[in-house]
Structures are given as structure tokens and as C-alpha cells.
PDB file of N, CA and C in Angstrom:
ATOM      1  N   MET A   1       0.845  -1.172   0.000  1.00  0.00           N
ATOM      2  CA  MET A   1       0.000   0.000   0.000  1.00  0.00           C
ATOM      3  C   MET A   1       0.892   1.238   0.000  1.00  0.00           C
ATOM      4  N   PRO A   2       0.663   2.147  -0.919  1.00  0.00           N
ATOM      5  CA  PRO A   2       1.471   3.373  -0.934  1.00  0.00           C
ATOM      6  C   PRO A   2       1.304   4.154   0.366  1.00  0.00           C
ATOM      7  N   PRO A   3       2.398   4.769   0.839  1.00  0.00           N
ATOM      8  CA  PRO A   3       2.302   5.542   2.081  1.00  0.00           C
ATOM      9  C   PRO A   3       1.539   6.841   1.878  1.00  0.00           C
ATOM     10  N   ASP A   4       0.993   7.346   2.977  1.00  0.00           N
ATOM     11  CA  ASP A   4       0.337   8.652   2.954  1.00  0.00           C
ATOM     12  C   ASP A   4       1.386   9.730   3.178  1.00  0.00           C
ATOM     13  N   GLY A   5       1.032  10.953   2.850  1.00  0.00           N
ATOM     14  CA  GLY A   5       1.906  12.074   3.143  1.00  0.00           C
ATOM     15  C   GLY A   5       2.824  12.430   1.999  1.00  0.00           C
ATOM     16  N   GLU A   6       3.681  13.381   2.270  1.00  0.00           N
ATOM     17  CA  GLU A   6       4.616  13.912   1.279  1.00  0.00           C
ATOM     18  C   GLU A   6       5.942  13.155   1.371  1.00  0.00           C
ATOM     19  N   PRO A   7       6.451  12.612   0.260  1.00  0.00           N
ATOM     20  CA  PRO A   7       7.736  11.903   0.315  1.00  0.00           C
ATOM     21  C   PRO A   7       8.888  12.852   0.620  1.00  0.00           C
ATOM     22  N   VAL A   8       9.901  12.340   1.306  1.00  0.00           N
ATOM     23  CA  VAL A   8      11.092  13.135   1.606  1.00  0.00           C
ATOM     24  C   VAL A   8      11.812  13.481   0.305  1.00  0.00           C
ATOM     25  N   TYR A   9      11.903  12.501  -0.586  1.00  0.00           N
ATOM     26  CA  TYR A   9      12.515  12.709  -1.898  1.00  0.00           C
ATOM     27  C   TYR A   9      11.407  13.112  -2.857  1.00  0.00           C
ATOM     28  N   LYS A  10      11.434  14.358  -3.350  1.00  0.00           N
ATOM     29  CA  LYS A  10      10.297  14.899  -4.098  1.00  0.00           C
ATOM     30  C   LYS A  10      10.025  14.168  -5.407  1.00  0.00           C
ATOM     31  N   HIS A  11      11.013  13.470  -5.964  1.00  0.00           N
ATOM     32  CA  HIS A  11      10.812  12.758  -7.220  1.00  0.00           C
ATOM     33  C   HIS A  11      10.487  11.270  -7.006  1.00  0.00           C
ATOM     34  N   PHE A  12      10.212  10.891  -5.767  1.00  0.00           N
ATOM     35  CA  PHE A  12       9.910   9.489  -5.464  1.00  0.00           C
ATOM     36  C   PHE A  12       8.642   9.054  -6.194  1.00  0.00           C
ATOM     37  N   LYS A  13       8.750   7.923  -6.889  1.00  0.00           N
ATOM     38  CA  LYS A  13       7.601   7.346  -7.585  1.00  0.00           C
ATOM     39  C   LYS A  13       7.411   5.923  -7.056  1.00  0.00           C
ATOM     40  N   TYR A  14       6.320   5.719  -6.363  1.00  0.00           N
ATOM     41  CA  TYR A  14       6.036   4.427  -5.732  1.00  0.00           C
ATOM     42  C   TYR A  14       6.175   3.284  -6.734  1.00  0.00           C
ATOM     43  N   GLU A  15       5.631   3.447  -7.918  1.00  0.00           N
ATOM     44  CA  GLU A  15       5.630   2.389  -8.933  1.00  0.00           C
ATOM     45  C   GLU A  15       7.047   2.041  -9.395  1.00  0.00           C
ATOM     46  N   THR A  16       7.962   2.988  -9.327  1.00  0.00           N
ATOM     47  CA  THR A  16       9.338   2.779  -9.774  1.00  0.00           C
ATOM     48  C   THR A  16      10.203   2.148  -8.692  1.00  0.00           C
ATOM     49  N   TYR A  17      10.051   2.602  -7.446  1.00  0.00           N
ATOM     50  CA  TYR A  17      10.976   2.221  -6.391  1.00  0.00           C
ATOM     51  C   TYR A  17      10.494   1.109  -5.468  1.00  0.00           C
ATOM     52  N   VAL A  18       9.234   0.737  -5.538  1.00  0.00           N
ATOM     53  CA  VAL A  18       8.702  -0.300  -4.652  1.00  0.00           C
ATOM     54  C   VAL A  18       8.373  -1.526  -5.481  1.00  0.00           C
ATOM     55  N   SER A  19       8.920  -2.656  -5.063  1.00  0.00           N
ATOM     56  CA  SER A  19       8.715  -3.904  -5.796  1.00  0.00           C
ATOM     57  C   SER A  19       7.240  -4.290  -5.802  1.00  0.00           C
ATOM     58  N   GLN A  20       6.788  -4.775  -6.936  1.00  0.00           N
ATOM     59  CA  GLN A  20       5.409  -5.251  -7.059  1.00  0.00           C
ATOM     60  C   GLN A  20       5.312  -6.735  -6.709  1.00  0.00           C
ATOM     61  N   THR A  21       6.453  -7.386  -6.494  1.00  0.00           N
ATOM     62  CA  THR A  21       6.488  -8.797  -6.105  1.00  0.00           C
ATOM     63  C   THR A  21       7.159  -8.931  -4.749  1.00  0.00           C
ATOM     64  N   GLU A  22       6.983 -10.071  -4.124  1.00  0.00           N
ATOM     65  CA  GLU A  22       7.583 -10.299  -2.818  1.00  0.00           C
ATOM     66  C   GLU A  22       9.105 -10.414  -2.952  1.00  0.00           C
ATOM     67  N   LEU A  23       9.829  -9.744  -2.079  1.00  0.00           N
ATOM     68  CA  LEU A  23      11.285  -9.801  -2.092  1.00  0.00           C
ATOM     69  C   LEU A  23      11.761 -10.949  -1.214  1.00  0.00           C
ATOM     70  N   SER A  24      12.898 -11.514  -1.561  1.00  0.00           N
ATOM     71  CA  SER A  24      13.479 -12.565  -0.730  1.00  0.00           C
ATOM     72  C   SER A  24      14.879 -12.128  -0.306  1.00  0.00           C
ATOM     73  N   TYR A  25      15.352 -12.707   0.769  1.00  0.00           N
ATOM     74  CA  TYR A  25      16.681 -12.374   1.267  1.00  0.00           C
ATOM     75  C   TYR A  25      17.634 -13.521   0.963  1.00  0.00           C
ATOM     76  N   SER A  26      18.928 -13.244   1.050  1.00  0.00           N
ATOM     77  CA  SER A  26      19.953 -14.243   0.796  1.00  0.00           C
ATOM     78  C   SER A  26      20.625 -14.638   2.099  1.00  0.00           C
ATOM     79  N   THR A  27      20.769 -15.942   2.330  1.00  0.00           N
ATOM     80  CA  THR A  27      21.496 -16.412   3.514  1.00  0.00           C
ATOM     81  C   THR A  27      23.006 -16.321   3.315  1.00  0.00           C
ATOM     82  N   ALA A  28      23.439 -15.899   2.132  1.00  0.00           N
ATOM     83  CA  ALA A  28      24.866 -15.722   1.866  1.00  0.00           C
ATOM     84  C   ALA A  28      25.333 -14.300   2.155  1.00  0.00           C
ATOM     85  N   LEU A  29      24.404 -13.398   2.400  1.00  0.00           N
ATOM     86  CA  LEU A  29      24.745 -11.988   2.601  1.00  0.00           C
ATOM     87  C   LEU A  29      24.339 -11.519   3.993  1.00  0.00           C
ATOM     88  N   PRO A  30      25.078 -10.538   4.546  1.00  0.00           N
ATOM     89  CA  PRO A  30      24.669  -9.994   5.842  1.00  0.00           C
ATOM     90  C   PRO A  30      23.418  -9.129   5.708  1.00  0.00           C
ATOM     91  N   LEU A  31      22.704  -9.008   6.805  1.00  0.00           N
ATOM     92  CA  LEU A  31      21.626  -8.029   6.888  1.00  0.00           C
ATOM     93  C   LEU A  31      22.239  -6.699   7.288  1.00  0.00           C
ATOM     94  N   LEU A  32      21.709  -5.640   6.758  1.00  0.00           N
ATOM     95  CA  LEU A  32      22.111  -4.291   7.126  1.00  0.00           C
ATOM     96  C   LEU A  32      20.915  -3.618   7.776  1.00  0.00           C
ATOM     97  N   ARG A  33      21.112  -3.065   8.969  1.00  0.00           N
ATOM     98  CA  ARG A  33      20.014  -2.387   9.665  1.00  0.00           C
ATOM     99  C   ARG A  33      20.398  -0.937   9.900  1.00  0.00           C
ATOM    100  N   GLY A  34      19.499  -0.047   9.541  1.00  0.00           N
ATOM    101  CA  GLY A  34      19.675   1.382   9.774  1.00  0.00           C
ATOM    102  C   GLY A  34      18.684   1.843  10.816  1.00  0.00           C
ATOM    103  N   TRP A  35      19.181   2.404  11.904  1.00  0.00           N
ATOM    104  CA  TRP A  35      18.359   2.770  13.059  1.00  0.00           C
ATOM    105  C   TRP A  35      18.165   4.279  13.146  1.00  0.00           C
ATOM    106  N   ASP A  36      16.939   4.690  13.463  1.00  0.00           N
ATOM    107  CA  ASP A  36      16.634   6.080  13.792  1.00  0.00           C
ATOM    108  C   ASP A  36      16.064   6.085  15.202  1.00  0.00           C
ATOM    109  N   ILE A  37      16.934   6.379  16.160  1.00  0.00           N
ATOM    110  CA  ILE A  37      16.516   6.392  17.567  1.00  0.00           C
ATOM    111  C   ILE A  37      16.909   7.730  18.189  1.00  0.00           C
ATOM    112  N   GLY A  38      16.748   8.780  17.410  1.00  0.00           N
ATOM    113  CA  GLY A  38      17.187  10.121  17.778  1.00  0.00           C
ATOM    114  C   GLY A  38      16.616  10.653  19.072  1.00  0.00           C
ATOM    115  N   PRO A  39      17.274  11.677  19.619  1.00  0.00           N
ATOM    116  CA  PRO A  39      16.921  12.209  20.931  1.00  0.00           C
ATOM    117  C   PRO A  39      15.550  12.862  21.004  1.00  0.00           C
ATOM    118  N   THR A  40      15.078  13.432  19.914  1.00  0.00           N
ATOM    119  CA  THR A  40      13.789  14.120  19.979  1.00  0.00           C
ATOM    120  C   THR A  40      12.671  13.300  19.352  1.00  0.00           C
ATOM    121  N   ALA A  41      13.003  12.163  18.762  1.00  0.00           N
ATOM    122  CA  ALA A  41      11.992  11.358  18.079  1.00  0.00           C
ATOM    123  C   ALA A  41      11.190  10.538  19.081  1.00  0.00           C
ATOM    124  N   VAL A  42       9.883  10.695  19.044  1.00  0.00           N
ATOM    125  CA  VAL A  42       9.014   9.849  19.866  1.00  0.00           C
ATOM    126  C   VAL A  42       8.963   8.462  19.244  1.00  0.00           C
ATOM    127  N   ASN A  43       8.906   8.412  17.916  1.00  0.00           N
ATOM    128  CA  ASN A  43       8.895   7.137  17.208  1.00  0.00           C
ATOM    129  C   ASN A  43      10.319   6.674  16.966  1.00  0.00           C
ATOM    130  N   LYS A  44      10.541   5.395  17.168  1.00  0.00           N
ATOM    131  CA  LYS A  44      11.818   4.780  16.818  1.00  0.00           C
ATOM    132  C   LYS A  44      11.589   3.985  15.543  1.00  0.00           C
ATOM    133  N   ALA A  45      12.612   3.913  14.677  1.00  0.00           N
ATOM    134  CA  ALA A  45      12.453   3.221  13.408  1.00  0.00           C
ATOM    135  C   ALA A  45      13.728   2.467  13.056  1.00  0.00           C
ATOM    136  N   CYS A  46      13.557   1.403  12.290  1.00  0.00           N
ATOM    137  CA  CYS A  46      14.686   0.624  11.805  1.00  0.00           C
ATOM    138  C   CYS A  46      14.315   0.040  10.445  1.00  0.00           C
ATOM    139  N   VAL A  47      15.202   0.172   9.467  1.00  0.00           N
ATOM    140  CA  VAL A  47      15.020  -0.489   8.178  1.00  0.00           C
ATOM    141  C   VAL A  47      16.031  -1.619   8.092  1.00  0.00           C
ATOM    142  N   VAL A  48      15.618  -2.703   7.422  1.00  0.00           N
ATOM    143  CA  VAL A  48      16.459  -3.887   7.287  1.00  0.00           C
ATOM    144  C   VAL A  48      16.593  -4.206   5.810  1.00  0.00           C
ATOM    145  N   GLY A  49      17.815  -4.422   5.369  1.00  0.00           N
ATOM    146  CA  GLY A  49      18.007  -4.724   3.957  1.00  0.00           C
ATOM    147  C   GLY A  49      19.277  -5.485   3.690  1.00  0.00           C
ATOM    148  N   GLN A  50      19.537  -5.692   2.416  1.00  0.00           N
ATOM    149  CA  GLN A  50      20.772  -6.312   1.934  1.00  0.00           C
ATOM    150  C   GLN A  50      21.197  -5.594   0.661  1.00  0.00           C
ATOM    151  N   LEU A  51      22.496  -5.616   0.387  1.00  0.00           N
ATOM    152  CA  LEU A  51      23.002  -5.085  -0.867  1.00  0.00           C
ATOM    153  C   LEU A  51      22.960  -6.201  -1.906  1.00  0.00           C
ATOM    154  N   ASP A  52      22.380  -5.920  -3.067  1.00  0.00           N
ATOM    155  CA  ASP A  52      22.361  -6.939  -4.117  1.00  0.00           C
ATOM    156  C   ASP A  52      23.700  -6.936  -4.867  1.00  0.00           C
ATOM    157  N   SER A  53      23.825  -7.770  -5.873  1.00  0.00           N
ATOM    158  CA  SER A  53      25.092  -7.928  -6.589  1.00  0.00           C
ATOM    159  C   SER A  53      25.531  -6.649  -7.312  1.00  0.00           C
ATOM    160  N   ARG A  54      24.599  -5.718  -7.522  1.00  0.00           N
ATOM    161  CA  ARG A  54      24.934  -4.445  -8.170  1.00  0.00           C
ATOM    162  C   ARG A  54      25.257  -3.354  -7.161  1.00  0.00           C
ATOM    163  N   GLY A  55      25.165  -3.687  -5.862  1.00  0.00           N
ATOM    164  CA  GLY A  55      25.425  -2.699  -4.820  1.00  0.00           C
ATOM    165  C   GLY A  55      24.217  -1.852  -4.477  1.00  0.00           C
ATOM    166  N   ILE A  56      23.041  -2.299  -4.901  1.00  0.00           N
ATOM    167  CA  ILE A  56      21.803  -1.577  -4.624  1.00  0.00           C
ATOM    168  C   ILE A  56      21.202  -2.119  -3.332  1.00  0.00           C
ATOM    169  N   LEU A  57      20.828  -1.211  -2.437  1.00  0.00           N
ATOM    170  CA  LEU A  57      20.212  -1.617  -1.184  1.00  0.00           C
ATOM    171  C   LEU A  57      18.770  -2.033  -1.433  1.00  0.00           C
ATOM    172  N   ILE A  58      18.466  -3.271  -1.076  1.00  0.00           N
ATOM    173  CA  ILE A  58      17.104  -3.795  -1.154  1.00  0.00           C
ATOM    174  C   ILE A  58      16.534  -3.772   0.265  1.00  0.00           C
ATOM    175  N   VAL A  59      15.536  -2.942   0.502  1.00  0.00           N
ATOM    176  CA  VAL A  59      14.920  -2.850   1.830  1.00  0.00           C
ATOM    177  C   VAL A  59      13.891  -3.962   1.952  1.00  0.00           C
ATOM    178  N   LEU A  60      14.115  -4.841   2.922  1.00  0.00           N
ATOM    179  CA  LEU A  60      13.290  -6.026   3.110  1.00  0.00           C
ATOM    180  C   LEU A  60      12.221  -5.858   4.184  1.00  0.00           C
ATOM    181  N   ALA A  61      12.476  -4.977   5.145  1.00  0.00           N
ATOM    182  CA  ALA A  61      11.521  -4.788   6.246  1.00  0.00           C
ATOM    183  C   ALA A  61      11.774  -3.434   6.891  1.00  0.00           C
ATOM    184  N   GLU A  62      10.752  -2.954   7.568  1.00  0.00           N
ATOM    185  CA  GLU A  62      10.905  -1.750   8.381  1.00  0.00           C
ATOM    186  C   GLU A  62      10.094  -1.933   9.649  1.00  0.00           C
ATOM    187  N   PHE A  63      10.610  -1.393  10.712  1.00  0.00           N
ATOM    188  CA  PHE A  63       9.949  -1.495  12.013  1.00  0.00           C
ATOM    189  C   PHE A  63       9.828  -0.104  12.611  1.00  0.00           C
ATOM    190  N   MET A  64       8.689   0.168  13.227  1.00  0.00           N
ATOM    191  CA  MET A  64       8.469   1.430  13.932  1.00  0.00           C
ATOM    192  C   MET A  64       7.711   1.140  15.219  1.00  0.00           C
ATOM    193  N   MET A  65       8.021   1.903  16.255  1.00  0.00           N
ATOM    194  CA  MET A  65       7.279   1.837  17.512  1.00  0.00           C
ATOM    195  C   MET A  65       7.130   3.251  18.045  1.00  0.00           C
ATOM    196  N   ASN A  66       6.012   3.506  18.672  1.00  0.00           N
ATOM    197  CA  ASN A  66       5.733   4.807  19.260  1.00  0.00           C
ATOM    198  C   ASN A  66       6.190   4.814  20.711  1.00  0.00           C
ATOM    199  N   ASP A  67       7.247   5.584  21.006  1.00  0.00           N
ATOM    200  CA  ASP A  67       7.770   5.804  22.356  1.00  0.00           C
ATOM    201  C   ASP A  67       8.083   4.516  23.117  1.00  0.00           C
ATOM    202  N   PRO A  68       8.891   3.598  22.535  1.00  0.00           N
ATOM    203  CA  PRO A  68       9.129   2.326  23.187  1.00  0.00           C
ATOM    204  C   PRO A  68      10.302   2.308  24.156  1.00  0.00           C
ATOM    205  N   GLY A  69      11.205   3.273  24.098  1.00  0.00           N
ATOM    206  CA  GLY A  69      12.475   3.165  24.807  1.00  0.00           C
ATOM    207  C   GLY A  69      13.442   2.378  23.934  1.00  0.00           C
ATOM    208  N   VAL A  70      14.705   2.702  24.019  1.00  0.00           N
ATOM    209  CA  VAL A  70      15.712   2.102  23.146  1.00  0.00           C
ATOM    210  C   VAL A  70      15.834   0.600  23.370  1.00  0.00           C
ATOM    211  N   MET A  71      15.902   0.160  24.613  1.00  0.00           N
ATOM    212  CA  MET A  71      16.095  -1.272  24.899  1.00  0.00           C
ATOM    213  C   MET A  71      14.924  -2.099  24.359  1.00  0.00           C
ATOM    214  N   ARG A  72      13.728  -1.682  24.652  1.00  0.00           N
ATOM    215  CA  ARG A  72      12.548  -2.430  24.204  1.00  0.00           C
ATOM    216  C   ARG A  72      12.475  -2.486  22.683  1.00  0.00           C
ATOM    217  N   PHE A  73      12.760  -1.367  22.033  1.00  0.00           N
ATOM    218  CA  PHE A  73      12.715  -1.340  20.581  1.00  0.00           C
ATOM    219  C   PHE A  73      13.790  -2.262  19.994  1.00  0.00           C
ATOM    220  N   GLY A  74      14.994  -2.213  20.538  1.00  0.00           N
ATOM    221  CA  GLY A  74      16.074  -3.079  20.066  1.00  0.00           C
ATOM    222  C   GLY A  74      15.744  -4.549  20.224  1.00  0.00           C
ATOM    223  N   GLU A  75      15.145  -4.904  21.344  1.00  0.00           N
ATOM    224  CA  GLU A  75      14.738  -6.298  21.576  1.00  0.00           C
ATOM    225  C   GLU A  75      13.675  -6.727  20.570  1.00  0.00           C
ATOM    226  N   HIS A  76      12.730  -5.853  20.299  1.00  0.00           N
ATOM    227  CA  HIS A  76      11.664  -6.156  19.333  1.00  0.00           C
ATOM    228  C   HIS A  76      12.246  -6.385  17.938  1.00  0.00           C
ATOM    229  N   VAL A  77      13.117  -5.499  17.488  1.00  0.00           N
ATOM    230  CA  VAL A  77      13.703  -5.627  16.148  1.00  0.00           C
ATOM    231  C   VAL A  77      14.540  -6.900  16.063  1.00  0.00           C
ATOM    232  N   THR A  78      15.339  -7.181  17.079  1.00  0.00           N
ATOM    233  CA  THR A  78      16.167  -8.390  17.080  1.00  0.00           C
ATOM    234  C   THR A  78      15.304  -9.642  17.002  1.00  0.00           C
ATOM    235  N   GLU A  79      14.257  -9.686  17.794  1.00  0.00           N
ATOM    236  CA  GLU A  79      13.346 -10.841  17.791  1.00  0.00           C
ATOM    237  C   GLU A  79      12.715 -11.029  16.409  1.00  0.00           C
ATOM    238  N   GLN A  80      12.227  -9.950  15.818  1.00  0.00           N
ATOM    239  CA  GLN A  80      11.580 -10.043  14.510  1.00  0.00           C
ATOM    240  C   GLN A  80      12.577 -10.444  13.409  1.00  0.00           C
ATOM    241  N   CYS A  81      13.794  -9.913  13.468  1.00  0.00           N
ATOM    242  CA  CYS A  81      14.812 -10.286  12.472  1.00  0.00           C
ATOM    243  C   CYS A  81      15.173 -11.764  12.579  1.00  0.00           C
ATOM    244  N   ASN A  82      15.256 -12.281  13.798  1.00  0.00           N
ATOM    245  CA  ASN A  82      15.544 -13.704  13.983  1.00  0.00           C
ATOM    246  C   ASN A  82      14.448 -14.574  13.378  1.00  0.00           C
ATOM    247  N   ILE A  83      13.213 -14.132  13.466  1.00  0.00           N
ATOM    248  CA  ILE A  83      12.083 -14.881  12.904  1.00  0.00           C
ATOM    249  C   ILE A  83      12.050 -14.741  11.381  1.00  0.00           C
ATOM    250  N   MET A  84      12.193 -13.526  10.887  1.00  0.00           N
ATOM    251  CA  MET A  84      12.012 -13.254   9.464  1.00  0.00           C
ATOM    252  C   MET A  84      13.208 -13.632   8.592  1.00  0.00           C
ATOM    253  N   PHE A  85      14.415 -13.606   9.168  1.00  0.00           N
ATOM    254  CA  PHE A  85      15.628 -13.798   8.367  1.00  0.00           C
ATOM    255  C   PHE A  85      16.562 -14.839   8.981  1.00  0.00           C
ATOM    256  N   PRO A  86      16.099 -16.072   9.174  1.00  0.00           N
ATOM    257  CA  PRO A  86      16.991 -17.090   9.746  1.00  0.00           C
ATOM    258  C   PRO A  86      18.107 -17.439   8.761  1.00  0.00           C
ATOM    259  N   GLY A  87      19.273 -17.756   9.307  1.00  0.00           N
ATOM    260  CA  GLY A  87      20.373 -18.232   8.477  1.00  0.00           C
ATOM    261  C   GLY A  87      21.290 -17.180   7.897  1.00  0.00           C
ATOM    262  N   VAL A  88      21.047 -15.888   8.185  1.00  0.00           N
ATOM    263  CA  VAL A  88      21.971 -14.875   7.648  1.00  0.00           C
ATOM    264  C   VAL A  88      23.302 -14.990   8.387  1.00  0.00           C
ATOM    265  N   PRO A  89      24.419 -14.739   7.691  1.00  0.00           N
ATOM    266  CA  PRO A  89      25.727 -14.948   8.326  1.00  0.00           C
ATOM    267  C   PRO A  89      26.020 -13.959   9.450  1.00  0.00           C
ATOM    268  N   TYR A  90      25.582 -12.729   9.317  1.00  0.00           N
ATOM    269  CA  TYR A  90      25.750 -11.735  10.373  1.00  0.00           C
ATOM    270  C   TYR A  90      24.924 -10.505  10.042  1.00  0.00           C
ATOM    271  N   ILE A  91      24.851  -9.596  11.013  1.00  0.00           N
ATOM    272  CA  ILE A  91      24.066  -8.366  10.871  1.00  0.00           C
ATOM    273  C   ILE A  91      24.987  -7.184  11.145  1.00  0.00           C
ATOM    274  N   ARG A  92      24.900  -6.165  10.310  1.00  0.00           N
ATOM    275  CA  ARG A  92      25.633  -4.916  10.531  1.00  0.00           C
ATOM    276  C   ARG A  92      24.623  -3.826  10.843  1.00  0.00           C
ATOM    277  N   ASP A  93      24.843  -3.127  11.947  1.00  0.00           N
ATOM    278  CA  ASP A  93      23.940  -2.069  12.380  1.00  0.00           C
ATOM    279  C   ASP A  93      24.592  -0.708  12.182  1.00  0.00           C
ATOM    280  N   PHE A  94      23.765   0.256  11.757  1.00  0.00           N
ATOM    281  CA  PHE A  94      24.221   1.623  11.535  1.00  0.00           C
ATOM    282  C   PHE A  94      23.235   2.573  12.196  1.00  0.00           C
ATOM    283  N   THR A  95      23.753   3.561  12.907  1.00  0.00           N
ATOM    284  CA  THR A  95      22.886   4.569  13.519  1.00  0.00           C
ATOM    285  C   THR A  95      23.666   5.873  13.668  1.00  0.00           C
ATOM    286  N   ASP A  96      22.931   6.928  13.909  1.00  0.00           N
ATOM    287  CA  ASP A  96      23.533   8.222  14.161  1.00  0.00           C
ATOM    288  C   ASP A  96      24.310   8.142  15.487  1.00  0.00           C
ATOM    289  N   PRO A  97      25.554   8.635  15.551  1.00  0.00           N
ATOM    290  CA  PRO A  97      26.335   8.548  16.791  1.00  0.00           C
ATOM    291  C   PRO A  97      25.659   9.169  18.011  1.00  0.00           C
ATOM    292  N   VAL A  98      24.773  10.149  17.819  1.00  0.00           N
ATOM    293  CA  VAL A  98      24.104  10.763  18.964  1.00  0.00           C
ATOM    294  C   VAL A  98      23.223   9.748  19.704  1.00  0.00           C
ATOM    295  N   ALA A  99      22.892   8.657  19.058  1.00  0.00           N
ATOM    296  CA  ALA A  99      22.075   7.624  19.707  1.00  0.00           C
ATOM    297  C   ALA A  99      22.759   7.044  20.933  1.00  0.00           C
ATOM    298  N   PHE A 100      24.082   7.196  21.034  1.00  0.00           N
ATOM    299  CA  PHE A 100      24.818   6.629  22.162  1.00  0.00           C
ATOM    300  C   PHE A 100      25.053   7.617  23.291  1.00  0.00           C
ATOM    301  N   ASP A 101      24.476   8.817  23.179  1.00  0.00           N
ATOM    302  CA  ASP A 101      24.526   9.751  24.304  1.00  0.00           C
ATOM    303  C   ASP A 101      23.790   9.134  25.483  1.00  0.00           C
ATOM    304  N   ILE A 102      24.210   9.447  26.683  1.00  0.00           N
ATOM    305  CA  ILE A 102      23.600   8.866  27.881  1.00  0.00           C
ATOM    306  C   ILE A 102      22.094   9.066  27.897  1.00  0.00           C
ATOM    307  N   SER A 103      21.620  10.219  27.491  1.00  0.00           N
ATOM    308  CA  SER A 103      20.175  10.489  27.515  1.00  0.00           C
ATOM    309  C   SER A 103      19.416   9.576  26.562  1.00  0.00           C
ATOM    310  N   GLN A 104      20.110   8.951  25.607  1.00  0.00           N
ATOM    311  CA  GLN A 104      19.452   8.087  24.632  1.00  0.00           C
ATOM    312  C   GLN A 104      19.285   6.654  25.125  1.00  0.00           C
ATOM    313  N   THR A 105      19.915   6.292  26.228  1.00  0.00           N
ATOM    314  CA  THR A 105      19.915   4.892  26.634  1.00  0.00           C
ATOM    315  C   THR A 105      18.920   4.560  27.721  1.00  0.00           C
ATOM    316  N   ASP A 106      18.180   5.545  28.228  1.00  0.00           N
ATOM    317  CA  ASP A 106      17.194   5.248  29.256  1.00  0.00           C
ATOM    318  C   ASP A 106      15.816   5.089  28.640  1.00  0.00           C
ATOM    319  N   MET A 107      14.853   4.696  29.434  1.00  0.00           N
ATOM    320  CA  MET A 107      13.502   4.441  28.924  1.00  0.00           C
ATOM    321  C   MET A 107      12.785   5.715  28.500  1.00  0.00           C
ATOM    322  N   ALA A 108      13.341   6.885  28.843  1.00  0.00           N
ATOM    323  CA  ALA A 108      12.705   8.149  28.466  1.00  0.00           C
ATOM    324  C   ALA A 108      13.162   8.629  27.095  1.00  0.00           C
ATOM    325  N   SER A 109      14.052   7.891  26.476  1.00  0.00           N
ATOM    326  CA  SER A 109      14.572   8.339  25.179  1.00  0.00           C
ATOM    327  C   SER A 109      13.498   8.322  24.102  1.00  0.00           C
TER     328      SER A 109
END
């Protein structure tokens, strides 16, 4: 289902950038996770993907929670990735360095 609202990238075309078929993951490649757990964000988000043979990032899943706290959100994403992507060799996580500020690690983050 196409998302509501205004796209961040003004030239985004749903029909061009979103697969019309189900995507599959490779157990030969690592998962890449990009985290948005910023200090002012009430919602936490994480995208999960893999780089294909051309170096293009294929986004396989996304997770969002409203005001979950960093620990709870991390546990949820880890649990879901273990269920959805068994057999991957490893996972690489990427996030904004400010996520590791002390204020970001408590339940009020």
C-alpha cells in the first residue's frame, strides 16, 4: 500500500521504487540495519536490507514503535529479524552517533 503524506525525496515514484512482487533475502549476505533512535523522536524506526550484486540496497523490512524506549525497541527488532531472516551470516547495524549519548539509553529516550 502506498504511504500517505509527502515523500522526503520529491521525485519518489512508488511504482518505480517499490517492488510489485515479494522480495526474498539471501542467507549468503549480511543483513544491514539502519536505526533512527534520535533524541527528539518519539517514534523509533529501523530499516532492514541487503546489498544486491549491483550494490543496490534492497529494503526487506521496516519497524516502527511509538515511544518504546531504546532497549525495548532493540529487543523487538532483534526478535523479529531472527524470525524473518533465519540463516543470515551476520548483521551490521548503523545509527547516528548521537544515539549513544547517555540520555538516549534510558527508557525516556
